[in-house]
Amino acid sequence: MQETFIGHRFKFINSEKIGITLELNSLSNDNKAKKYSISYDNESKIDTVNQDQIILGEKISKIDFFLRLVRDIQSNDDQTREYASSTLCDFLEFDTQDFNLEVLENGIDIIIEQIKIEKNINVEQKLVEGIFEFIWLKRITKIKEIGLLERLTEIDKYYIWSYLGDEITEDVDGYNSEKLNDYYSKNIEKWKEKDILMYGEEKMNEYTNKPLCN
């Protein structure tokens, strides 16, 4: 397999700026030049550059890669937060099964705080999706999972509300939480309305009436 040099240190050929590569974006049709999303060391900003603009260096650790993304989701620059949140969501889904759990949980705390103040709906969606990717990994105890879900119910954001609807509805009794039960009772009809708008009433009736597998 060809090396993609994701998560490697770099420096620009024509300047002193340095940082890390985050993602291989594309191969152009004319000269097959690789394009990378890059994050700078000294400023919370992500750009896209051609490989021939940079010199690639050593690979960084997963922890350093994760912490860089967590830093950049807090950037003042909208595009940077969009790049960072999308890459972070993918990282949480695919690269954290053997990751340091304490570092991961601390990062999740920062993500939650960013969601509370986030004004960009695209960033909000990816950050929320990333949190639920973390939950679905099942690396934390059931008690911690319930605590995290209960914490999310206190945040008035659309995508948190939407994802909680899917998560709680699947196993509201299994969570054995008065707070989640109360949240479920207050929102179930609105979740149903949302699903009907998204999928149509006929499809939702088919899903609701589908018998459970033994």
N, C-alpha and C. Protein backbone atom coordinates (compact mmCIF):
# COMPACT_ATOMS: atom_id res chain seq x y z
N MET A 1 0.85 -1.20 0.00
CA MET A 1 0.00 0.00 0.00
C MET A 1 0.88 1.25 0.00
N GLN A 2 0.51 2.25 -0.78
CA GLN A 2 1.30 3.46 -0.88
C GLN A 2 1.18 4.28 0.41
N GLU A 3 2.27 4.78 0.92
CA GLU A 3 2.28 5.62 2.12
C GLU A 3 1.57 6.94 1.84
N THR A 4 0.63 7.31 2.70
CA THR A 4 -0.11 8.56 2.49
C THR A 4 0.42 9.71 3.33
N PHE A 5 1.26 9.40 4.32
CA PHE A 5 1.89 10.42 5.16
C PHE A 5 0.87 11.27 5.92
N ILE A 6 -0.19 10.62 6.43
CA ILE A 6 -1.14 11.30 7.30
C ILE A 6 -0.58 11.29 8.72
N GLY A 7 -0.70 12.42 9.42
CA GLY A 7 -0.17 12.50 10.77
C GLY A 7 1.34 12.58 10.82
N HIS A 8 1.93 13.20 9.81
CA HIS A 8 3.38 13.41 9.77
C HIS A 8 3.70 14.89 9.97
N ARG A 9 4.87 15.15 10.52
CA ARG A 9 5.34 16.52 10.62
C ARG A 9 5.71 17.02 9.23
N PHE A 10 5.64 18.35 9.05
CA PHE A 10 6.04 18.94 7.78
C PHE A 10 6.60 20.33 8.02
N LYS A 11 7.34 20.82 7.05
CA LYS A 11 7.72 22.24 6.98
C LYS A 11 7.57 22.69 5.54
N PHE A 12 7.26 23.97 5.38
CA PHE A 12 7.15 24.52 4.03
C PHE A 12 8.53 24.69 3.41
N ILE A 13 8.58 24.48 2.12
CA ILE A 13 9.85 24.65 1.40
C ILE A 13 10.29 26.10 1.40
N ASN A 14 9.32 27.02 1.26
CA ASN A 14 9.66 28.44 1.08
C ASN A 14 9.34 29.30 2.30
N SER A 15 9.12 28.70 3.45
CA SER A 15 8.89 29.49 4.66
C SER A 15 9.28 28.67 5.88
N GLU A 16 9.23 29.30 7.04
CA GLU A 16 9.61 28.63 8.27
C GLU A 16 8.42 27.96 8.96
N LYS A 17 7.24 28.05 8.39
CA LYS A 17 6.05 27.49 9.03
C LYS A 17 6.13 25.96 9.07
N ILE A 18 5.72 25.39 10.20
CA ILE A 18 5.73 23.94 10.38
C ILE A 18 4.41 23.49 10.97
N GLY A 19 4.16 22.19 10.89
CA GLY A 19 2.92 21.66 11.45
C GLY A 19 2.82 20.17 11.19
N ILE A 20 1.57 19.69 11.09
CA ILE A 20 1.34 18.27 10.82
C ILE A 20 0.31 18.10 9.71
N THR A 21 0.40 17.00 9.00
CA THR A 21 -0.60 16.68 7.98
C THR A 21 -1.77 15.97 8.65
N LEU A 22 -2.98 16.34 8.26
CA LEU A 22 -4.18 15.77 8.87
C LEU A 22 -4.91 14.80 7.95
N GLU A 23 -4.91 15.10 6.66
CA GLU A 23 -5.73 14.31 5.75
C GLU A 23 -5.21 14.45 4.33
N LEU A 24 -5.25 13.36 3.59
CA LEU A 24 -4.96 13.40 2.16
C LEU A 24 -6.25 13.71 1.45
N ASN A 25 -6.35 14.90 0.85
CA ASN A 25 -7.63 15.36 0.31
C ASN A 25 -7.95 14.81 -1.06
N SER A 26 -6.98 14.86 -1.99
CA SER A 26 -7.32 14.46 -3.36
C SER A 26 -6.05 14.27 -4.18
N LEU A 27 -6.24 13.66 -5.32
CA LEU A 27 -5.21 13.60 -6.36
C LEU A 27 -5.73 14.36 -7.57
N SER A 28 -5.00 15.39 -7.99
CA SER A 28 -5.47 16.15 -9.14
C SER A 28 -5.35 15.32 -10.40
N ASN A 29 -6.19 15.61 -11.39
CA ASN A 29 -6.25 14.80 -12.61
C ASN A 29 -5.05 15.04 -13.54
N ASP A 30 -4.44 16.22 -13.43
CA ASP A 30 -3.41 16.55 -14.41
C ASP A 30 -2.03 16.01 -14.03
N ASN A 31 -1.57 16.29 -12.81
CA ASN A 31 -0.21 15.88 -12.46
C ASN A 31 -0.14 14.93 -11.28
N LYS A 32 -1.29 14.43 -10.85
CA LYS A 32 -1.35 13.47 -9.75
C LYS A 32 -0.76 14.01 -8.45
N ALA A 33 -0.74 15.33 -8.29
CA ALA A 33 -0.18 15.93 -7.09
C ALA A 33 -1.10 15.68 -5.90
N LYS A 34 -0.51 15.25 -4.79
CA LYS A 34 -1.29 15.03 -3.58
C LYS A 34 -1.59 16.38 -2.92
N LYS A 35 -2.80 16.47 -2.38
CA LYS A 35 -3.19 17.66 -1.62
C LYS A 35 -3.48 17.23 -0.18
N TYR A 36 -2.92 17.96 0.76
CA TYR A 36 -3.09 17.64 2.17
C TYR A 36 -3.82 18.76 2.91
N SER A 37 -4.64 18.36 3.88
CA SER A 37 -5.06 19.29 4.92
C SER A 37 -3.94 19.32 5.95
N ILE A 38 -3.54 20.52 6.33
CA ILE A 38 -2.43 20.67 7.28
C ILE A 38 -2.84 21.57 8.44
N SER A 39 -2.27 21.29 9.60
CA SER A 39 -2.50 22.10 10.78
C SER A 39 -1.18 22.68 11.25
N TYR A 40 -1.16 23.99 11.48
CA TYR A 40 0.07 24.67 11.88
C TYR A 40 0.36 24.49 13.37
N ASP A 41 1.64 24.44 13.70
CA ASP A 41 2.04 24.31 15.10
C ASP A 41 1.72 25.55 15.92
N ASN A 42 1.95 26.72 15.35
CA ASN A 42 1.91 27.96 16.13
C ASN A 42 0.62 28.75 15.99
N GLU A 43 -0.36 28.24 15.28
CA GLU A 43 -1.66 28.90 15.21
C GLU A 43 -2.73 27.86 14.93
N SER A 44 -3.89 28.08 15.50
CA SER A 44 -4.99 27.14 15.34
C SER A 44 -5.68 27.38 14.00
N LYS A 45 -5.06 26.86 12.95
CA LYS A 45 -5.55 27.08 11.60
C LYS A 45 -5.21 25.88 10.72
N ILE A 46 -6.17 25.49 9.88
CA ILE A 46 -5.97 24.38 8.94
C ILE A 46 -6.09 24.92 7.52
N ASP A 47 -5.14 24.55 6.68
CA ASP A 47 -5.15 24.91 5.26
C ASP A 47 -5.04 23.65 4.41
N THR A 48 -5.21 23.82 3.11
CA THR A 48 -4.96 22.75 2.14
C THR A 48 -3.81 23.16 1.24
N VAL A 49 -2.83 22.24 1.07
CA VAL A 49 -1.64 22.56 0.27
C VAL A 49 -1.30 21.38 -0.63
N ASN A 50 -0.55 21.66 -1.69
CA ASN A 50 0.00 20.60 -2.52
C ASN A 50 1.23 19.99 -1.84
N GLN A 51 1.46 18.71 -2.06
CA GLN A 51 2.61 18.05 -1.45
C GLN A 51 3.92 18.72 -1.87
N ASP A 52 3.98 19.26 -3.10
CA ASP A 52 5.24 19.84 -3.56
C ASP A 52 5.56 21.17 -2.88
N GLN A 53 4.66 21.65 -2.00
CA GLN A 53 4.93 22.87 -1.24
C GLN A 53 5.60 22.58 0.11
N ILE A 54 5.63 21.30 0.50
CA ILE A 54 6.09 20.97 1.85
C ILE A 54 7.11 19.84 1.82
N ILE A 55 7.88 19.76 2.90
CA ILE A 55 8.80 18.64 3.13
C ILE A 55 8.22 17.83 4.29
N LEU A 56 8.01 16.55 4.07
CA LEU A 56 7.40 15.69 5.07
C LEU A 56 8.46 15.09 5.99
N GLY A 57 8.09 14.97 7.27
CA GLY A 57 9.02 14.43 8.26
C GLY A 57 8.45 13.22 8.98
N GLU A 58 8.80 13.09 10.25
CA GLU A 58 8.45 11.91 11.04
C GLU A 58 6.96 11.87 11.37
N LYS A 59 6.49 10.66 11.62
CA LYS A 59 5.10 10.46 12.01
C LYS A 59 4.94 10.78 13.49
N ILE A 60 3.84 11.45 13.84
CA ILE A 60 3.58 11.78 15.24
C ILE A 60 2.73 10.68 15.87
N SER A 61 2.59 10.73 17.19
CA SER A 61 1.79 9.73 17.89
C SER A 61 0.30 9.99 17.70
N LYS A 62 -0.51 8.96 17.94
CA LYS A 62 -1.96 9.11 17.87
C LYS A 62 -2.45 10.14 18.87
N ILE A 63 -1.85 10.15 20.05
CA ILE A 63 -2.27 11.11 21.07
C ILE A 63 -2.02 12.54 20.60
N ASP A 64 -0.84 12.80 20.04
CA ASP A 64 -0.55 14.15 19.54
C ASP A 64 -1.49 14.53 18.40
N PHE A 65 -1.83 13.58 17.55
CA PHE A 65 -2.76 13.83 16.45
C PHE A 65 -4.13 14.21 17.01
N PHE A 66 -4.60 13.44 17.97
CA PHE A 66 -5.90 13.68 18.59
C PHE A 66 -5.93 15.04 19.28
N LEU A 67 -4.89 15.34 20.05
CA LEU A 67 -4.85 16.61 20.77
C LEU A 67 -4.80 17.81 19.83
N ARG A 68 -4.17 17.64 18.67
CA ARG A 68 -4.15 18.73 17.69
C ARG A 68 -5.56 18.99 17.15
N LEU A 69 -6.29 17.93 16.88
CA LEU A 69 -7.66 18.10 16.39
C LEU A 69 -8.54 18.75 17.45
N VAL A 70 -8.35 18.33 18.70
CA VAL A 70 -9.12 18.93 19.80
C VAL A 70 -8.80 20.42 19.92
N ARG A 71 -7.54 20.77 19.73
CA ARG A 71 -7.17 22.19 19.73
C ARG A 71 -7.88 22.95 18.61
N ASP A 72 -7.87 22.35 17.41
CA ASP A 72 -8.36 23.08 16.24
C ASP A 72 -9.88 23.17 16.16
N ILE A 73 -10.62 22.31 16.85
CA ILE A 73 -12.08 22.48 16.87
C ILE A 73 -12.47 23.70 17.69
N GLN A 74 -11.50 24.27 18.41
CA GLN A 74 -11.75 25.47 19.21
C GLN A 74 -11.25 26.74 18.53
N SER A 75 -10.84 26.61 17.27
CA SER A 75 -10.30 27.75 16.53
C SER A 75 -11.37 28.83 16.32
N ASN A 76 -10.92 30.06 16.13
CA ASN A 76 -11.83 31.15 15.77
C ASN A 76 -12.22 31.12 14.31
N ASP A 77 -11.52 30.31 13.52
CA ASP A 77 -11.73 30.24 12.08
C ASP A 77 -12.74 29.14 11.74
N ASP A 78 -13.83 29.51 11.08
CA ASP A 78 -14.90 28.56 10.77
C ASP A 78 -14.41 27.38 9.94
N GLN A 79 -13.63 27.66 8.89
CA GLN A 79 -13.16 26.58 8.01
C GLN A 79 -12.27 25.61 8.79
N THR A 80 -11.44 26.14 9.67
CA THR A 80 -10.58 25.28 10.48
C THR A 80 -11.41 24.36 11.35
N ARG A 81 -12.45 24.88 11.99
CA ARG A 81 -13.31 24.05 12.84
C ARG A 81 -14.04 23.00 12.01
N GLU A 82 -14.43 23.34 10.80
CA GLU A 82 -15.11 22.36 9.95
C GLU A 82 -14.15 21.23 9.56
N TYR A 83 -12.95 21.58 9.12
CA TYR A 83 -11.95 20.55 8.80
C TYR A 83 -11.65 19.67 10.02
N ALA A 84 -11.40 20.34 11.15
CA ALA A 84 -10.98 19.62 12.36
C ALA A 84 -12.09 18.70 12.88
N SER A 85 -13.31 19.19 12.89
CA SER A 85 -14.42 18.38 13.42
C SER A 85 -14.70 17.17 12.54
N SER A 86 -14.58 17.33 11.23
CA SER A 86 -14.79 16.21 10.33
C SER A 86 -13.71 15.14 10.50
N THR A 87 -12.44 15.59 10.57
CA THR A 87 -11.33 14.65 10.75
C THR A 87 -11.40 13.99 12.12
N LEU A 88 -11.79 14.76 13.13
CA LEU A 88 -11.91 14.22 14.48
C LEU A 88 -13.00 13.16 14.56
N CYS A 89 -14.11 13.39 13.89
CA CYS A 89 -15.19 12.40 13.86
C CYS A 89 -14.71 11.08 13.28
N ASP A 90 -13.98 11.16 12.16
CA ASP A 90 -13.44 9.94 11.55
C ASP A 90 -12.44 9.25 12.49
N PHE A 91 -11.62 10.05 13.15
CA PHE A 91 -10.63 9.50 14.07
C PHE A 91 -11.32 8.74 15.21
N LEU A 92 -12.35 9.34 15.77
CA LEU A 92 -13.07 8.70 16.87
C LEU A 92 -13.74 7.40 16.43
N GLU A 93 -14.14 7.35 15.18
CA GLU A 93 -14.80 6.14 14.68
C GLU A 93 -13.81 5.02 14.38
N PHE A 94 -12.66 5.36 13.83
CA PHE A 94 -11.78 4.32 13.28
C PHE A 94 -10.46 4.10 14.02
N ASP A 95 -10.01 5.06 14.84
CA ASP A 95 -8.63 4.98 15.34
C ASP A 95 -8.50 5.02 16.86
N THR A 96 -9.54 4.71 17.59
CA THR A 96 -9.45 4.87 19.05
C THR A 96 -9.70 3.59 19.84
N GLN A 97 -9.76 2.46 19.16
CA GLN A 97 -10.05 1.21 19.87
C GLN A 97 -8.95 0.87 20.88
N ASP A 98 -7.70 1.20 20.56
CA ASP A 98 -6.58 0.92 21.47
C ASP A 98 -5.97 2.20 22.02
N PHE A 99 -6.76 3.26 22.03
CA PHE A 99 -6.28 4.59 22.40
C PHE A 99 -6.34 4.76 23.92
N ASN A 100 -5.45 5.61 24.46
CA ASN A 100 -5.45 5.91 25.89
C ASN A 100 -6.81 6.48 26.30
N LEU A 101 -7.50 5.77 27.19
CA LEU A 101 -8.88 6.13 27.53
C LEU A 101 -8.95 7.44 28.29
N GLU A 102 -8.01 7.70 29.17
CA GLU A 102 -8.05 8.95 29.95
C GLU A 102 -7.91 10.17 29.03
N VAL A 103 -6.99 10.09 28.09
CA VAL A 103 -6.82 11.18 27.13
C VAL A 103 -8.09 11.35 26.30
N LEU A 104 -8.67 10.23 25.91
CA LEU A 104 -9.90 10.25 25.11
C LEU A 104 -11.04 10.91 25.88
N GLU A 105 -11.22 10.53 27.12
CA GLU A 105 -12.31 11.10 27.93
C GLU A 105 -12.10 12.59 28.17
N ASN A 106 -10.86 13.00 28.39
CA ASN A 106 -10.59 14.44 28.55
C ASN A 106 -10.92 15.20 27.27
N GLY A 107 -10.61 14.59 26.13
CA GLY A 107 -10.94 15.20 24.85
C GLY A 107 -12.44 15.32 24.65
N ILE A 108 -13.18 14.29 25.05
CA ILE A 108 -14.64 14.33 24.94
C ILE A 108 -15.21 15.47 25.77
N ASP A 109 -14.64 15.71 26.95
CA ASP A 109 -15.09 16.83 27.78
C ASP A 109 -14.93 18.16 27.04
N ILE A 110 -13.80 18.33 26.35
CA ILE A 110 -13.57 19.57 25.60
C ILE A 110 -14.53 19.68 24.42
N ILE A 111 -14.78 18.55 23.75
CA ILE A 111 -15.73 18.55 22.63
C ILE A 111 -17.11 18.99 23.10
N ILE A 112 -17.54 18.48 24.24
CA ILE A 112 -18.86 18.85 24.77
C ILE A 112 -18.92 20.35 25.06
N GLU A 113 -17.87 20.90 25.66
CA GLU A 113 -17.86 22.33 25.95
C GLU A 113 -17.89 23.15 24.66
N GLN A 114 -17.22 22.66 23.60
CA GLN A 114 -17.24 23.38 22.33
C GLN A 114 -18.64 23.34 21.70
N ILE A 115 -19.31 22.20 21.81
CA ILE A 115 -20.66 22.08 21.26
C ILE A 115 -21.58 23.12 21.88
N LYS A 116 -21.43 23.37 23.17
CA LYS A 116 -22.30 24.31 23.88
C LYS A 116 -22.25 25.70 23.27
N ILE A 117 -21.09 26.10 22.74
CA ILE A 117 -20.93 27.47 22.22
C ILE A 117 -20.85 27.52 20.71
N GLU A 118 -20.89 26.35 20.05
CA GLU A 118 -20.69 26.29 18.60
C GLU A 118 -21.87 26.91 17.85
N LYS A 119 -21.57 27.80 16.90
CA LYS A 119 -22.59 28.47 16.10
C LYS A 119 -22.69 27.89 14.68
N ASN A 120 -21.69 27.14 14.26
CA ASN A 120 -21.67 26.57 12.92
C ASN A 120 -22.35 25.19 12.97
N ILE A 121 -23.47 25.05 12.27
CA ILE A 121 -24.26 23.82 12.36
C ILE A 121 -23.50 22.62 11.80
N ASN A 122 -22.63 22.84 10.81
CA ASN A 122 -21.85 21.73 10.25
C ASN A 122 -20.84 21.20 11.26
N VAL A 123 -20.23 22.12 11.99
CA VAL A 123 -19.28 21.71 13.04
C VAL A 123 -20.02 21.00 14.15
N GLU A 124 -21.14 21.57 14.56
CA GLU A 124 -21.94 20.94 15.62
C GLU A 124 -22.29 19.50 15.25
N GLN A 125 -22.74 19.27 14.03
CA GLN A 125 -23.13 17.93 13.61
C GLN A 125 -21.97 16.94 13.73
N LYS A 126 -20.80 17.34 13.25
CA LYS A 126 -19.65 16.42 13.28
C LYS A 126 -19.16 16.17 14.70
N LEU A 127 -19.19 17.19 15.55
CA LEU A 127 -18.76 17.01 16.93
C LEU A 127 -19.70 16.08 17.68
N VAL A 128 -20.99 16.26 17.47
CA VAL A 128 -21.97 15.38 18.12
C VAL A 128 -21.82 13.95 17.61
N GLU A 129 -21.68 13.81 16.30
CA GLU A 129 -21.48 12.48 15.71
C GLU A 129 -20.24 11.82 16.31
N GLY A 130 -19.19 12.60 16.50
CA GLY A 130 -17.98 12.07 17.09
C GLY A 130 -18.19 11.55 18.50
N ILE A 131 -18.95 12.29 19.30
CA ILE A 131 -19.25 11.84 20.67
C ILE A 131 -19.98 10.50 20.65
N PHE A 132 -20.94 10.36 19.75
CA PHE A 132 -21.69 9.11 19.72
C PHE A 132 -20.85 7.97 19.14
N GLU A 133 -19.91 8.28 18.24
CA GLU A 133 -18.97 7.24 17.81
C GLU A 133 -18.18 6.73 19.03
N PHE A 134 -17.79 7.64 19.91
CA PHE A 134 -17.09 7.27 21.14
C PHE A 134 -17.98 6.38 22.02
N ILE A 135 -19.24 6.76 22.17
CA ILE A 135 -20.17 5.96 22.98
C ILE A 135 -20.33 4.57 22.40
N TRP A 136 -20.46 4.49 21.08
CA TRP A 136 -20.71 3.19 20.43
C TRP A 136 -19.49 2.27 20.47
N LEU A 137 -18.32 2.81 20.78
CA LEU A 137 -17.15 1.96 20.94
C LEU A 137 -17.27 1.04 22.16
N LYS A 138 -18.11 1.46 23.14
CA LYS A 138 -18.34 0.68 24.37
C LYS A 138 -17.05 0.47 25.16
N ARG A 139 -16.23 1.50 25.20
CA ARG A 139 -14.99 1.40 25.98
C ARG A 139 -15.16 1.91 27.41
N ILE A 140 -16.24 2.59 27.68
CA ILE A 140 -16.49 3.06 29.04
C ILE A 140 -17.57 2.20 29.68
N THR A 141 -17.64 2.24 31.00
CA THR A 141 -18.62 1.43 31.72
C THR A 141 -20.03 1.93 31.44
N LYS A 142 -21.01 1.08 31.73
CA LYS A 142 -22.40 1.46 31.54
C LYS A 142 -22.76 2.67 32.40
N ILE A 143 -22.22 2.72 33.61
CA ILE A 143 -22.51 3.85 34.50
C ILE A 143 -21.97 5.15 33.90
N LYS A 144 -20.75 5.10 33.36
CA LYS A 144 -20.18 6.30 32.72
C LYS A 144 -20.95 6.68 31.46
N GLU A 145 -21.38 5.68 30.72
CA GLU A 145 -22.16 5.94 29.51
C GLU A 145 -23.46 6.65 29.85
N ILE A 146 -24.14 6.16 30.88
CA ILE A 146 -25.39 6.79 31.31
C ILE A 146 -25.12 8.22 31.76
N GLY A 147 -24.04 8.41 32.53
CA GLY A 147 -23.69 9.75 32.98
C GLY A 147 -23.43 10.70 31.83
N LEU A 148 -22.76 10.20 30.79
CA LEU A 148 -22.48 11.02 29.61
C LEU A 148 -23.78 11.38 28.88
N LEU A 149 -24.65 10.42 28.70
CA LEU A 149 -25.93 10.69 28.04
C LEU A 149 -26.76 11.67 28.85
N GLU A 150 -26.77 11.50 30.16
CA GLU A 150 -27.51 12.43 31.02
C GLU A 150 -26.95 13.84 30.90
N ARG A 151 -25.66 13.94 30.81
CA ARG A 151 -25.01 15.25 30.64
C ARG A 151 -25.43 15.90 29.32
N LEU A 152 -25.54 15.09 28.29
CA LEU A 152 -25.92 15.62 26.98
C LEU A 152 -27.36 16.13 26.96
N THR A 153 -28.22 15.55 27.77
CA THR A 153 -29.62 16.00 27.80
C THR A 153 -29.75 17.44 28.28
N GLU A 154 -28.72 17.95 28.93
CA GLU A 154 -28.76 19.31 29.47
C GLU A 154 -28.36 20.36 28.44
N ILE A 155 -27.95 19.91 27.24
CA ILE A 155 -27.45 20.83 26.21
C ILE A 155 -28.53 21.02 25.14
N ASP A 156 -28.89 22.26 24.90
CA ASP A 156 -29.95 22.58 23.95
C ASP A 156 -29.36 22.80 22.56
N LYS A 157 -29.05 21.68 21.90
CA LYS A 157 -28.53 21.72 20.54
C LYS A 157 -29.26 20.67 19.71
N TYR A 158 -29.59 21.04 18.45
CA TYR A 158 -30.43 20.16 17.64
C TYR A 158 -29.83 18.77 17.45
N TYR A 159 -28.56 18.69 17.08
CA TYR A 159 -28.00 17.37 16.76
C TYR A 159 -27.83 16.50 17.99
N ILE A 160 -27.59 17.11 19.15
CA ILE A 160 -27.59 16.31 20.38
C ILE A 160 -28.97 15.74 20.62
N TRP A 161 -29.98 16.59 20.51
CA TRP A 161 -31.37 16.15 20.68
C TRP A 161 -31.71 15.01 19.70
N SER A 162 -31.29 15.15 18.45
CA SER A 162 -31.61 14.16 17.42
C SER A 162 -30.92 12.83 17.69
N TYR A 163 -29.61 12.88 17.99
CA TYR A 163 -28.87 11.64 18.26
C TYR A 163 -29.35 10.98 19.55
N LEU A 164 -29.67 11.77 20.55
CA LEU A 164 -30.21 11.19 21.79
C LEU A 164 -31.51 10.46 21.52
N GLY A 165 -32.31 10.99 20.59
CA GLY A 165 -33.56 10.32 20.25
C GLY A 165 -33.33 8.92 19.74
N ASP A 166 -32.38 8.76 18.83
CA ASP A 166 -32.08 7.43 18.30
C ASP A 166 -31.50 6.53 19.38
N GLU A 167 -30.59 7.08 20.19
CA GLU A 167 -29.89 6.28 21.19
C GLU A 167 -30.82 5.82 22.31
N ILE A 168 -31.57 6.75 22.88
CA ILE A 168 -32.42 6.42 24.02
C ILE A 168 -33.59 5.55 23.60
N THR A 169 -34.17 5.83 22.44
CA THR A 169 -35.32 5.05 21.98
C THR A 169 -34.96 3.59 21.78
N GLU A 170 -33.72 3.32 21.37
CA GLU A 170 -33.29 1.94 21.14
C GLU A 170 -33.32 1.11 22.41
N ASP A 171 -33.02 1.76 23.57
CA ASP A 171 -32.88 0.96 24.80
C ASP A 171 -33.16 1.80 26.04
N VAL A 172 -34.32 2.47 26.05
CA VAL A 172 -34.61 3.37 27.16
C VAL A 172 -34.69 2.62 28.49
N ASP A 173 -35.23 1.42 28.50
CA ASP A 173 -35.33 0.65 29.74
C ASP A 173 -33.96 0.14 30.19
N GLY A 174 -33.10 -0.19 29.22
CA GLY A 174 -31.79 -0.74 29.56
C GLY A 174 -30.89 0.26 30.27
N TYR A 175 -31.15 1.55 30.08
CA TYR A 175 -30.31 2.54 30.73
C TYR A 175 -30.65 2.74 32.21
N ASN A 176 -31.87 2.39 32.58
CA ASN A 176 -32.27 2.45 34.00
C ASN A 176 -31.90 3.81 34.61
N SER A 177 -32.34 4.87 33.96
CA SER A 177 -32.02 6.23 34.39
C SER A 177 -33.29 7.07 34.43
N GLU A 178 -33.60 7.62 35.59
CA GLU A 178 -34.79 8.46 35.71
C GLU A 178 -34.68 9.69 34.82
N LYS A 179 -33.47 10.24 34.75
CA LYS A 179 -33.27 11.44 33.93
C LYS A 179 -33.48 11.15 32.45
N LEU A 180 -32.96 10.02 31.97
CA LEU A 180 -33.14 9.65 30.56
C LEU A 180 -34.58 9.27 30.28
N ASN A 181 -35.23 8.61 31.23
CA ASN A 181 -36.65 8.27 31.06
C ASN A 181 -37.49 9.52 30.94
N ASP A 182 -37.20 10.51 31.77
CA ASP A 182 -37.94 11.77 31.74
C ASP A 182 -37.70 12.50 30.42
N TYR A 183 -36.44 12.51 29.96
CA TYR A 183 -36.10 13.15 28.68
C TYR A 183 -36.83 12.45 27.53
N TYR A 184 -36.86 11.13 27.60
CA TYR A 184 -37.57 10.33 26.59
C TYR A 184 -39.05 10.70 26.55
N SER A 185 -39.68 10.75 27.71
CA SER A 185 -41.11 11.03 27.79
C SER A 185 -41.45 12.40 27.21
N LYS A 186 -40.57 13.38 27.47
CA LYS A 186 -40.81 14.74 27.01
C LYS A 186 -40.58 14.91 25.51
N ASN A 187 -39.79 14.02 24.91
CA ASN A 187 -39.36 14.25 23.51
C ASN A 187 -39.82 13.20 22.52
N ILE A 188 -40.37 12.08 22.96
CA ILE A 188 -40.66 10.97 22.05
C ILE A 188 -41.58 11.38 20.90
N GLU A 189 -42.60 12.18 21.19
CA GLU A 189 -43.52 12.58 20.12
C GLU A 189 -42.82 13.48 19.10
N LYS A 190 -41.94 14.36 19.57
CA LYS A 190 -41.20 15.23 18.65
C LYS A 190 -40.23 14.41 17.81
N TRP A 191 -39.61 13.39 18.42
CA TRP A 191 -38.72 12.51 17.65
C TRP A 191 -39.49 11.78 16.56
N LYS A 192 -40.69 11.33 16.90
CA LYS A 192 -41.52 10.65 15.90
C LYS A 192 -41.85 11.59 14.75
N GLU A 193 -42.19 12.83 15.07
CA GLU A 193 -42.50 13.82 14.02
C GLU A 193 -41.29 14.05 13.13
N LYS A 194 -40.10 14.14 13.74
CA LYS A 194 -38.87 14.34 12.97
C LYS A 194 -38.64 13.17 12.02
N ASP A 195 -38.81 11.95 12.52
CA ASP A 195 -38.57 10.77 11.69
C ASP A 195 -39.58 10.67 10.55
N ILE A 196 -40.81 11.06 10.81
CA ILE A 196 -41.83 11.04 9.75
C ILE A 196 -41.47 12.05 8.66
N LEU A 197 -40.99 13.23 9.07
CA LEU A 197 -40.58 14.23 8.09
C LEU A 197 -39.40 13.75 7.26
N MET A 198 -38.48 13.02 7.92
CA MET A 198 -37.28 12.55 7.22
C MET A 198 -37.54 11.35 6.33
N TYR A 199 -38.32 10.39 6.83
CA TYR A 199 -38.44 9.10 6.15
C TYR A 199 -39.83 8.82 5.58
N GLY A 200 -40.84 9.60 5.99
CA GLY A 200 -42.20 9.34 5.54
C GLY A 200 -42.96 8.46 6.53
N GLU A 201 -44.24 8.68 6.62
CA GLU A 201 -45.05 7.97 7.62
C GLU A 201 -45.12 6.48 7.34
N GLU A 202 -45.23 6.10 6.07
CA GLU A 202 -45.34 4.67 5.73
C GLU A 202 -44.10 3.91 6.18
N LYS A 203 -42.92 4.45 5.89
CA LYS A 203 -41.67 3.77 6.27
C LYS A 203 -41.55 3.66 7.78
N MET A 204 -41.93 4.72 8.49
CA MET A 204 -41.83 4.69 9.94
C MET A 204 -42.80 3.68 10.54
N ASN A 205 -43.99 3.54 9.96
CA ASN A 205 -44.95 2.54 10.44
C ASN A 205 -44.42 1.13 10.21
N GLU A 206 -43.77 0.92 9.05
CA GLU A 206 -43.17 -0.39 8.77
C GLU A 206 -42.10 -0.71 9.80
N TYR A 207 -41.26 0.29 10.12
CA TYR A 207 -40.19 0.07 11.09
C TYR A 207 -40.75 -0.19 12.48
N THR A 208 -41.74 0.60 12.88
CA THR A 208 -42.31 0.48 14.23
C THR A 208 -43.00 -0.86 14.42
N ASN A 209 -43.64 -1.36 13.36
CA ASN A 209 -44.41 -2.60 13.46
C ASN A 209 -43.62 -3.86 13.13
N LYS A 210 -42.34 -3.67 12.77
CA LYS A 210 -41.49 -4.81 12.41
C LYS A 210 -41.26 -5.67 13.64
N PRO A 211 -41.51 -6.97 13.57
CA PRO A 211 -41.31 -7.82 14.74
C PRO A 211 -39.83 -7.93 15.11
N LEU A 212 -39.56 -8.03 16.40
CA LEU A 212 -38.19 -8.20 16.88
C LEU A 212 -37.69 -9.60 16.59
N CYS A 213 -36.41 -9.73 16.27
CA CYS A 213 -35.82 -11.05 16.03
C CYS A 213 -35.70 -11.78 17.36
N ASN A 214 -35.89 -13.08 17.32
CA ASN A 214 -35.73 -13.88 18.53
C ASN A 214 -34.25 -14.16 18.77
